[in-house]
Structures are given as structure tokens and as C-alpha cells.
Amino acid sequence: MLQRVGIRGTEHLRAVGKLSEETRNREVREEVLRLGVTVVEWAILLDKLQSL
């Protein structure tokens, strides 16, 4: 699912993690939720991003 929005590896995940919350929500969150990612899955991803 993340590949469909351009997140293809650890480097991309780190880059998303460095985005401001506002930008991340606008550019990534809205799109992945539209593609079927659940809110809980999004929360898990954000938790993982913080540990990178």
C-alpha cells in the first residue's frame, strides 16, 4: 500500500518521518486512508517512524 504513494524503502520512511505533522497529514495520510489504510494502521506506522 505504501508503495502506491511512493514510499519504497527505509529512506522514504525516514523522509516521511521528518515532514511536519501538517505536511505529512496533508500529503500522505489523506492519500493512504483513501487507498484503504485504517486509522489504526496509520497510527502504527507513525509509531514505527518515530523509532527510525
PDB file of N, CA and C in Angstrom:
ATOM      1  N   MET A   1       0.825  -1.191   0.000  1.00  0.00           N
ATOM      2  CA  MET A   1       0.000   0.000   0.000  1.00  0.00           C
ATOM      3  C   MET A   1       0.871   1.257   0.000  1.00  0.00           C
ATOM      4  N   LEU A   2       1.909   1.257   0.809  1.00  0.00           N
ATOM      5  CA  LEU A   2       2.770   2.438   0.877  1.00  0.00           C
ATOM      6  C   LEU A   2       3.485   2.689  -0.436  1.00  0.00           C
ATOM      7  N   GLN A   3       3.781   1.632  -1.167  1.00  0.00           N
ATOM      8  CA  GLN A   3       4.435   1.798  -2.467  1.00  0.00           C
ATOM      9  C   GLN A   3       3.549   2.575  -3.427  1.00  0.00           C
ATOM     10  N   ARG A   4       2.249   2.465  -3.267  1.00  0.00           N
ATOM     11  CA  ARG A   4       1.327   3.180  -4.154  1.00  0.00           C
ATOM     12  C   ARG A   4       1.399   4.687  -3.958  1.00  0.00           C
ATOM     13  N   VAL A   5       1.908   5.131  -2.815  1.00  0.00           N
ATOM     14  CA  VAL A   5       2.076   6.574  -2.583  1.00  0.00           C
ATOM     15  C   VAL A   5       3.541   6.982  -2.626  1.00  0.00           C
ATOM     16  N   GLY A   6       4.391   6.089  -3.133  1.00  0.00           N
ATOM     17  CA  GLY A   6       5.790   6.439  -3.364  1.00  0.00           C
ATOM     18  C   GLY A   6       6.757   6.091  -2.248  1.00  0.00           C
ATOM     19  N   ILE A   7       6.280   5.446  -1.198  1.00  0.00           N
ATOM     20  CA  ILE A   7       7.163   5.051  -0.097  1.00  0.00           C
ATOM     21  C   ILE A   7       7.679   3.658  -0.421  1.00  0.00           C
ATOM     22  N   ARG A   8       8.961   3.581  -0.803  1.00  0.00           N
ATOM     23  CA  ARG A   8       9.507   2.334  -1.319  1.00  0.00           C
ATOM     24  C   ARG A   8      10.589   1.703  -0.448  1.00  0.00           C
ATOM     25  N   GLY A   9      10.982   2.356   0.616  1.00  0.00           N
ATOM     26  CA  GLY A   9      12.022   1.780   1.458  1.00  0.00           C
ATOM     27  C   GLY A   9      12.249   2.598   2.711  1.00  0.00           C
ATOM     28  N   THR A  10      13.257   2.210   3.453  1.00  0.00           N
ATOM     29  CA  THR A  10      13.571   2.864   4.722  1.00  0.00           C
ATOM     30  C   THR A  10      13.881   4.344   4.543  1.00  0.00           C
ATOM     31  N   GLU A  11      14.601   4.683   3.475  1.00  0.00           N
ATOM     32  CA  GLU A  11      14.928   6.099   3.240  1.00  0.00           C
ATOM     33  C   GLU A  11      13.666   6.926   3.060  1.00  0.00           C
ATOM     34  N   HIS A  12      12.708   6.379   2.327  1.00  0.00           N
ATOM     35  CA  HIS A  12      11.453   7.090   2.120  1.00  0.00           C
ATOM     36  C   HIS A  12      10.688   7.229   3.436  1.00  0.00           C
ATOM     37  N   LEU A  13      10.695   6.163   4.248  1.00  0.00           N
ATOM     38  CA  LEU A  13      10.018   6.231   5.544  1.00  0.00           C
ATOM     39  C   LEU A  13      10.647   7.300   6.425  1.00  0.00           C
ATOM     40  N   ARG A  14      11.965   7.361   6.434  1.00  0.00           N
ATOM     41  CA  ARG A  14      12.645   8.392   7.232  1.00  0.00           C
ATOM     42  C   ARG A  14      12.258   9.785   6.753  1.00  0.00           C
ATOM     43  N   ALA A  15      12.196   9.954   5.444  1.00  0.00           N
ATOM     44  CA  ALA A  15      11.828  11.261   4.883  1.00  0.00           C
ATOM     45  C   ALA A  15      10.411  11.646   5.299  1.00  0.00           C
ATOM     46  N   VAL A  16       9.499  10.700   5.258  1.00  0.00           N
ATOM     47  CA  VAL A  16       8.124  10.972   5.688  1.00  0.00           C
ATOM     48  C   VAL A  16       8.109  11.330   7.170  1.00  0.00           C
ATOM     49  N   GLY A  17       8.917  10.633   7.956  1.00  0.00           N
ATOM     50  CA  GLY A  17       9.002  10.919   9.385  1.00  0.00           C
ATOM     51  C   GLY A  17       9.516  12.312   9.689  1.00  0.00           C
ATOM     52  N   LYS A  18      10.318  12.874   8.798  1.00  0.00           N
ATOM     53  CA  LYS A  18      10.887  14.212   9.007  1.00  0.00           C
ATOM     54  C   LYS A  18       9.955  15.332   8.549  1.00  0.00           C
ATOM     55  N   LEU A  19       8.903  14.985   7.825  1.00  0.00           N
ATOM     56  CA  LEU A  19       7.942  16.005   7.407  1.00  0.00           C
ATOM     57  C   LEU A  19       7.233  16.568   8.630  1.00  0.00           C
ATOM     58  N   SER A  20       6.804  17.804   8.535  1.00  0.00           N
ATOM     59  CA  SER A  20       5.997  18.347   9.630  1.00  0.00           C
ATOM     60  C   SER A  20       4.689  17.560   9.685  1.00  0.00           C
ATOM     61  N   GLU A  21       4.074  17.537  10.850  1.00  0.00           N
ATOM     62  CA  GLU A  21       2.819  16.794  11.006  1.00  0.00           C
ATOM     63  C   GLU A  21       1.771  17.281  10.006  1.00  0.00           C
ATOM     64  N   GLU A  22       1.694  18.583   9.829  1.00  0.00           N
ATOM     65  CA  GLU A  22       0.712  19.155   8.903  1.00  0.00           C
ATOM     66  C   GLU A  22       0.958  18.672   7.473  1.00  0.00           C
ATOM     67  N   THR A  23       2.197  18.731   7.030  1.00  0.00           N
ATOM     68  CA  THR A  23       2.535  18.296   5.670  1.00  0.00           C
ATOM     69  C   THR A  23       2.306  16.802   5.510  1.00  0.00           C
ATOM     70  N   ARG A  24       2.740  16.021   6.497  1.00  0.00           N
ATOM     71  CA  ARG A  24       2.567  14.563   6.437  1.00  0.00           C
ATOM     72  C   ARG A  24       1.085  14.209   6.350  1.00  0.00           C
ATOM     73  N   ASN A  25       0.259  14.871   7.152  1.00  0.00           N
ATOM     74  CA  ASN A  25      -1.172  14.579   7.110  1.00  0.00           C
ATOM     75  C   ASN A  25      -1.776  14.962   5.767  1.00  0.00           C
ATOM     76  N   ARG A  26      -1.378  16.102   5.260  1.00  0.00           N
ATOM     77  CA  ARG A  26      -1.948  16.585   4.001  1.00  0.00           C
ATOM     78  C   ARG A  26      -1.490  15.739   2.816  1.00  0.00           C
ATOM     79  N   GLU A  27      -0.208  15.432   2.752  1.00  0.00           N
ATOM     80  CA  GLU A  27       0.355  14.792   1.564  1.00  0.00           C
ATOM     81  C   GLU A  27       0.337  13.264   1.604  1.00  0.00           C
ATOM     82  N   VAL A  28       0.384  12.680   2.780  1.00  0.00           N
ATOM     83  CA  VAL A  28       0.497  11.222   2.863  1.00  0.00           C
ATOM     84  C   VAL A  28      -0.740  10.599   3.501  1.00  0.00           C
ATOM     85  N   ARG A  29      -1.097  11.066   4.674  1.00  0.00           N
ATOM     86  CA  ARG A  29      -2.187  10.443   5.427  1.00  0.00           C
ATOM     87  C   ARG A  29      -3.486  10.393   4.632  1.00  0.00           C
ATOM     88  N   GLU A  30      -3.886  11.514   4.090  1.00  0.00           N
ATOM     89  CA  GLU A  30      -5.154  11.547   3.363  1.00  0.00           C
ATOM     90  C   GLU A  30      -5.160  10.544   2.216  1.00  0.00           C
ATOM     91  N   GLU A  31      -4.046  10.435   1.521  1.00  0.00           N
ATOM     92  CA  GLU A  31      -3.968   9.523   0.375  1.00  0.00           C
ATOM     93  C   GLU A  31      -4.008   8.064   0.813  1.00  0.00           C
ATOM     94  N   VAL A  32      -3.231   7.693   1.830  1.00  0.00           N
ATOM     95  CA  VAL A  32      -3.225   6.281   2.242  1.00  0.00           C
ATOM     96  C   VAL A  32      -4.560   5.883   2.849  1.00  0.00           C
ATOM     97  N   LEU A  33      -5.236   6.796   3.538  1.00  0.00           N
ATOM     98  CA  LEU A  33      -6.562   6.475   4.056  1.00  0.00           C
ATOM     99  C   LEU A  33      -7.548   6.262   2.914  1.00  0.00           C
ATOM    100  N   ARG A  34      -7.429   7.048   1.869  1.00  0.00           N
ATOM    101  CA  ARG A  34      -8.283   6.856   0.683  1.00  0.00           C
ATOM    102  C   ARG A  34      -8.022   5.505   0.024  1.00  0.00           C
ATOM    103  N   LEU A  35      -6.766   5.056   0.103  1.00  0.00           N
ATOM    104  CA  LEU A  35      -6.390   3.782  -0.516  1.00  0.00           C
ATOM    105  C   LEU A  35      -6.739   2.575   0.351  1.00  0.00           C
ATOM    106  N   GLY A  36      -7.257   2.801   1.550  1.00  0.00           N
ATOM    107  CA  GLY A  36      -7.715   1.691   2.369  1.00  0.00           C
ATOM    108  C   GLY A  36      -6.945   1.405   3.642  1.00  0.00           C
ATOM    109  N   VAL A  37      -5.913   2.190   3.938  1.00  0.00           N
ATOM    110  CA  VAL A  37      -5.202   2.018   5.204  1.00  0.00           C
ATOM    111  C   VAL A  37      -6.129   2.492   6.320  1.00  0.00           C
ATOM    112  N   THR A  38      -6.205   1.718   7.400  1.00  0.00           N
ATOM    113  CA  THR A  38      -7.066   2.113   8.514  1.00  0.00           C
ATOM    114  C   THR A  38      -6.360   3.145   9.386  1.00  0.00           C
ATOM    115  N   VAL A  39      -7.135   3.821  10.206  1.00  0.00           N
ATOM    116  CA  VAL A  39      -6.571   4.813  11.116  1.00  0.00           C
ATOM    117  C   VAL A  39      -5.597   4.141  12.083  1.00  0.00           C
ATOM    118  N   VAL A  40      -5.924   2.935  12.531  1.00  0.00           N
ATOM    119  CA  VAL A  40      -5.035   2.210  13.444  1.00  0.00           C
ATOM    120  C   VAL A  40      -3.728   1.857  12.734  1.00  0.00           C
ATOM    121  N   GLU A  41      -3.799   1.420  11.491  1.00  0.00           N
ATOM    122  CA  GLU A  41      -2.583   1.119  10.728  1.00  0.00           C
ATOM    123  C   GLU A  41      -1.732   2.374  10.558  1.00  0.00           C
ATOM    124  N   TRP A  42      -2.370   3.505  10.314  1.00  0.00           N
ATOM    125  CA  TRP A  42      -1.649   4.774  10.188  1.00  0.00           C
ATOM    126  C   TRP A  42      -0.944   5.105  11.504  1.00  0.00           C
ATOM    127  N   ALA A  43      -1.633   4.902  12.627  1.00  0.00           N
ATOM    128  CA  ALA A  43      -1.036   5.169  13.934  1.00  0.00           C
ATOM    129  C   ALA A  43       0.168   4.260  14.185  1.00  0.00           C
ATOM    130  N   ILE A  44       0.070   3.003  13.791  1.00  0.00           N
ATOM    131  CA  ILE A  44       1.187   2.068  13.939  1.00  0.00           C
ATOM    132  C   ILE A  44       2.367   2.526  13.096  1.00  0.00           C
ATOM    133  N   LEU A  45       2.093   2.965  11.875  1.00  0.00           N
ATOM    134  CA  LEU A  45       3.163   3.465  11.005  1.00  0.00           C
ATOM    135  C   LEU A  45       3.856   4.669  11.639  1.00  0.00           C
ATOM    136  N   LEU A  46       3.089   5.604  12.165  1.00  0.00           N
ATOM    137  CA  LEU A  46       3.687   6.781  12.808  1.00  0.00           C
ATOM    138  C   LEU A  46       4.555   6.374  13.992  1.00  0.00           C
ATOM    139  N   ASP A  47       4.116   5.387  14.750  1.00  0.00           N
ATOM    140  CA  ASP A  47       4.910   4.889  15.868  1.00  0.00           C
ATOM    141  C   ASP A  47       6.230   4.313  15.368  1.00  0.00           C
ATOM    142  N   LYS A  48       6.185   3.561  14.286  1.00  0.00           N
ATOM    143  CA  LYS A  48       7.404   2.986  13.704  1.00  0.00           C
ATOM    144  C   LYS A  48       8.331   4.085  13.191  1.00  0.00           C
ATOM    145  N   LEU A  49       7.760   5.117  12.590  1.00  0.00           N
ATOM    146  CA  LEU A  49       8.571   6.221  12.076  1.00  0.00           C
ATOM    147  C   LEU A  49       9.360   6.892  13.192  1.00  0.00           C
ATOM    148  N   GLN A  50       8.758   7.015  14.352  1.00  0.00           N
ATOM    149  CA  GLN A  50       9.435   7.660  15.476  1.00  0.00           C
ATOM    150  C   GLN A  50      10.620   6.844  15.964  1.00  0.00           C
ATOM    151  N   SER A  51      10.599   5.532  15.716  1.00  0.00           N
ATOM    152  CA  SER A  51      11.696   4.684  16.188  1.00  0.00           C
ATOM    153  C   SER A  51      12.837   4.585  15.177  1.00  0.00           C
ATOM    154  N   LEU A  52      12.665   5.156  13.973  1.00  0.00           N
ATOM    155  CA  LEU A  52      13.731   5.098  12.960  1.00  0.00           C
ATOM    156  C   LEU A  52      14.834   6.086  13.260  1.00  0.00           C
TER     157      LEU A  52
END
